[in-house]
Amino acid sequence: DFKTRWNNHRQSFRTEKYKNETELSKLIWELKSKNIQYEIKWKTVAKCKSYRPGSKHCNLCLTEKLFILKNPCINKRTEIVSKCRHRRKFLLKFNKSSVPSL
C-alpha cells in the first residue's frame, strides 16, 4: 500500500541505518554526504486498479513497469521482471482468514 511504502521511504531518508533500502535513499544519502540541497516532489503519474482475483495480470504493476521503461529514472531494471506483489494477498496459503481451525 502507498502509505506504507511512502513512510518506509521517508524513514530511509532520515535514518542512516536504512540508507541502502532503496535506490532513492541511496541517492539522497549521496547528496547529503556532498552537502547538496535537494527537494523531493511526489506526484501520481497514473491511476489504475491493482490485481483482482481471477485476472491474469495486475494493471497497477503493468502501468508501473511501462512507466519505468518509457521514462529515465533511478528504478532498477529488476523491477520490470519482478512478480506482482499485489497478487500474493489473494493466495490461500497467505490468507489466514480462509484457513479453517481444527
C-alpha atoms as a PDB file:
ATOM      1  CA  ASP A   1       0.000   0.000   0.000  1.00  0.00           C
ATOM      2  CA  PHE A   2       1.186   3.506  -0.808  1.00  0.00           C
ATOM      3  CA  LYS A   3       1.226   4.885   2.744  1.00  0.00           C
ATOM      4  CA  THR A   4       3.474   2.077   3.975  1.00  0.00           C
ATOM      5  CA  ARG A   5       5.883   2.482   1.063  1.00  0.00           C
ATOM      6  CA  TRP A   6       5.932   6.267   1.479  1.00  0.00           C
ATOM      7  CA  ASN A   7       6.637   6.008   5.210  1.00  0.00           C
ATOM      8  CA  ASN A   8       9.411   3.489   4.562  1.00  0.00           C
ATOM      9  CA  HIS A   9      10.946   5.863   2.017  1.00  0.00           C
ATOM     10  CA  ARG A  10      10.822   8.726   4.488  1.00  0.00           C
ATOM     11  CA  GLN A  11      12.431   6.596   7.183  1.00  0.00           C
ATOM     12  CA  SER A  12      15.234   5.596   4.803  1.00  0.00           C
ATOM     13  CA  PHE A  13      15.922   9.299   4.121  1.00  0.00           C
ATOM     14  CA  ARG A  14      16.165  10.185   7.821  1.00  0.00           C
ATOM     15  CA  THR A  15      17.757   7.122   9.426  1.00  0.00           C
ATOM     16  CA  GLU A  16      21.222   6.238   8.227  1.00  0.00           C
ATOM     17  CA  LYS A  17      20.913   2.545   9.043  1.00  0.00           C
ATOM     18  CA  TYR A  18      18.249   2.317   6.279  1.00  0.00           C
ATOM     19  CA  LYS A  19      20.199   4.301   3.699  1.00  0.00           C
ATOM     20  CA  ASN A  20      20.622   1.305   1.364  1.00  0.00           C
ATOM     21  CA  GLU A  21      16.958   0.226   1.419  1.00  0.00           C
ATOM     22  CA  THR A  22      16.027   1.796  -1.928  1.00  0.00           C
ATOM     23  CA  GLU A  23      17.728   3.376  -4.915  1.00  0.00           C
ATOM     24  CA  LEU A  24      16.141   6.686  -3.969  1.00  0.00           C
ATOM     25  CA  SER A  25      17.503   6.545  -0.415  1.00  0.00           C
ATOM     26  CA  LYS A  26      20.988   5.764  -1.774  1.00  0.00           C
ATOM     27  CA  LEU A  27      20.771   8.859  -3.962  1.00  0.00           C
ATOM     28  CA  ILE A  28      19.515  11.011  -1.066  1.00  0.00           C
ATOM     29  CA  TRP A  29      22.339   9.899   1.236  1.00  0.00           C
ATOM     30  CA  GLU A  30      24.885  10.526  -1.511  1.00  0.00           C
ATOM     31  CA  LEU A  31      23.553  14.078  -1.880  1.00  0.00           C
ATOM     32  CA  LYS A  32      23.648  14.547   1.895  1.00  0.00           C
ATOM     33  CA  SER A  33      27.267  13.390   2.067  1.00  0.00           C
ATOM     34  CA  LYS A  34      28.176  16.031  -0.537  1.00  0.00           C
ATOM     35  CA  ASN A  35      26.112  18.728   1.239  1.00  0.00           C
ATOM     36  CA  ILE A  36      23.944  19.181  -1.839  1.00  0.00           C
ATOM     37  CA  GLN A  37      20.471  20.602  -1.247  1.00  0.00           C
ATOM     38  CA  TYR A  38      17.617  18.565  -2.683  1.00  0.00           C
ATOM     39  CA  GLU A  39      13.857  18.672  -2.881  1.00  0.00           C
ATOM     40  CA  ILE A  40      11.597  15.696  -3.486  1.00  0.00           C
ATOM     41  CA  LYS A  41       8.306  16.240  -5.264  1.00  0.00           C
ATOM     42  CA  TRP A  42       5.837  13.354  -5.321  1.00  0.00           C
ATOM     43  CA  LYS A  43       3.090  13.077  -7.891  1.00  0.00           C
ATOM     44  CA  THR A  44       0.661  10.497  -9.146  1.00  0.00           C
ATOM     45  CA  VAL A  45       1.587   9.582 -12.705  1.00  0.00           C
ATOM     46  CA  ALA A  46      -1.341   7.222 -13.325  1.00  0.00           C
ATOM     47  CA  LYS A  47      -4.371   5.790 -11.584  1.00  0.00           C
ATOM     48  CA  CYS A  48      -5.332   2.193 -12.157  1.00  0.00           C
ATOM     49  CA  LYS A  49      -6.668  -0.823 -10.324  1.00  0.00           C
ATOM     50  CA  SER A  50      -4.411  -3.428  -8.761  1.00  0.00           C
ATOM     51  CA  TYR A  51      -4.749  -7.186  -9.115  1.00  0.00           C
ATOM     52  CA  ARG A  52      -8.213  -8.744  -8.903  1.00  0.00           C
ATOM     53  CA  PRO A  53      -8.739 -12.463  -8.212  1.00  0.00           C
ATOM     54  CA  GLY A  54      -9.253 -14.349 -11.459  1.00  0.00           C
ATOM     55  CA  SER A  55      -7.351 -11.822 -13.529  1.00  0.00           C
ATOM     56  CA  LYS A  56      -4.193 -12.902 -15.311  1.00  0.00           C
ATOM     57  CA  HIS A  57      -2.388  -9.628 -14.743  1.00  0.00           C
ATOM     58  CA  CYS A  58      -2.228  -6.595 -12.473  1.00  0.00           C
ATOM     59  CA  ASN A  59      -2.901  -3.269 -14.179  1.00  0.00           C
ATOM     60  CA  LEU A  60      -1.061  -1.380 -11.446  1.00  0.00           C
ATOM     61  CA  CYS A  61       2.161  -3.398 -11.893  1.00  0.00           C
ATOM     62  CA  LEU A  62       1.935  -3.261 -15.689  1.00  0.00           C
ATOM     63  CA  THR A  63       1.452   0.512 -15.634  1.00  0.00           C
ATOM     64  CA  GLU A  64       4.409   0.954 -13.275  1.00  0.00           C
ATOM     65  CA  LYS A  65       6.650  -1.235 -15.461  1.00  0.00           C
ATOM     66  CA  LEU A  66       5.622   0.659 -18.593  1.00  0.00           C
ATOM     67  CA  PHE A  67       6.382   3.977 -16.892  1.00  0.00           C
ATOM     68  CA  ILE A  68       9.842   2.716 -15.837  1.00  0.00           C
ATOM     69  CA  LEU A  69      10.584   1.626 -19.423  1.00  0.00           C
ATOM     70  CA  LYS A  70       9.430   4.891 -21.010  1.00  0.00           C
ATOM     71  CA  ASN A  71      10.972   7.326 -18.522  1.00  0.00           C
ATOM     72  CA  PRO A  72      14.550   7.538 -17.346  1.00  0.00           C
ATOM     73  CA  CYS A  73      14.595   7.099 -13.595  1.00  0.00           C
ATOM     74  CA  ILE A  74      16.596   5.540 -10.772  1.00  0.00           C
ATOM     75  CA  ASN A  75      14.480   2.388 -10.562  1.00  0.00           C
ATOM     76  CA  LYS A  76      16.348  -0.862 -11.085  1.00  0.00           C
ATOM     77  CA  ARG A  77      15.710  -2.910 -14.206  1.00  0.00           C
ATOM     78  CA  THR A  78      14.924  -5.892 -11.954  1.00  0.00           C
ATOM     79  CA  GLU A  79      11.606  -4.243 -11.087  1.00  0.00           C
ATOM     80  CA  ILE A  80      10.479  -4.798 -14.658  1.00  0.00           C
ATOM     81  CA  VAL A  81      10.739  -8.588 -14.393  1.00  0.00           C
ATOM     82  CA  SER A  82       9.544  -8.904 -10.781  1.00  0.00           C
ATOM     83  CA  LYS A  83       6.293 -10.645  -9.889  1.00  0.00           C
ATOM     84  CA  CYS A  84       3.183  -8.748  -8.861  1.00  0.00           C
ATOM     85  CA  ARG A  85       3.272  -8.019  -5.136  1.00  0.00           C
ATOM     86  CA  HIS A  86      -0.487  -7.351  -5.065  1.00  0.00           C
ATOM     87  CA  ARG A  87      -1.456 -10.890  -6.074  1.00  0.00           C
ATOM     88  CA  ARG A  88       0.126 -12.526  -3.031  1.00  0.00           C
ATOM     89  CA  LYS A  89      -2.598 -11.438  -0.609  1.00  0.00           C
ATOM     90  CA  PHE A  90      -5.182 -13.398  -2.618  1.00  0.00           C
ATOM     91  CA  LEU A  91      -3.315 -16.715  -2.443  1.00  0.00           C
ATOM     92  CA  LEU A  92      -4.854 -19.166   0.026  1.00  0.00           C
ATOM     93  CA  LYS A  93      -1.592 -20.039   1.730  1.00  0.00           C
ATOM     94  CA  PHE A  94      -1.159 -16.377   2.777  1.00  0.00           C
ATOM     95  CA  ASN A  95      -4.807 -15.715   3.662  1.00  0.00           C
ATOM     96  CA  LYS A  96      -5.219 -16.521   7.375  1.00  0.00           C
ATOM     97  CA  SER A  97      -8.977 -15.982   7.382  1.00  0.00           C
ATOM     98  CA  SER A  98      -9.526 -18.795   4.864  1.00  0.00           C
ATOM     99  CA  VAL A  99      -7.758 -21.456   6.934  1.00  0.00           C
ATOM    100  CA  PRO A 100     -10.276 -23.470   8.965  1.00  0.00           C
ATOM    101  CA  SER A 101      -9.397 -24.079  12.583  1.00  0.00           C
ATOM    102  CA  LEU A 102      -9.072 -27.714  13.596  1.00  0.00           C
END
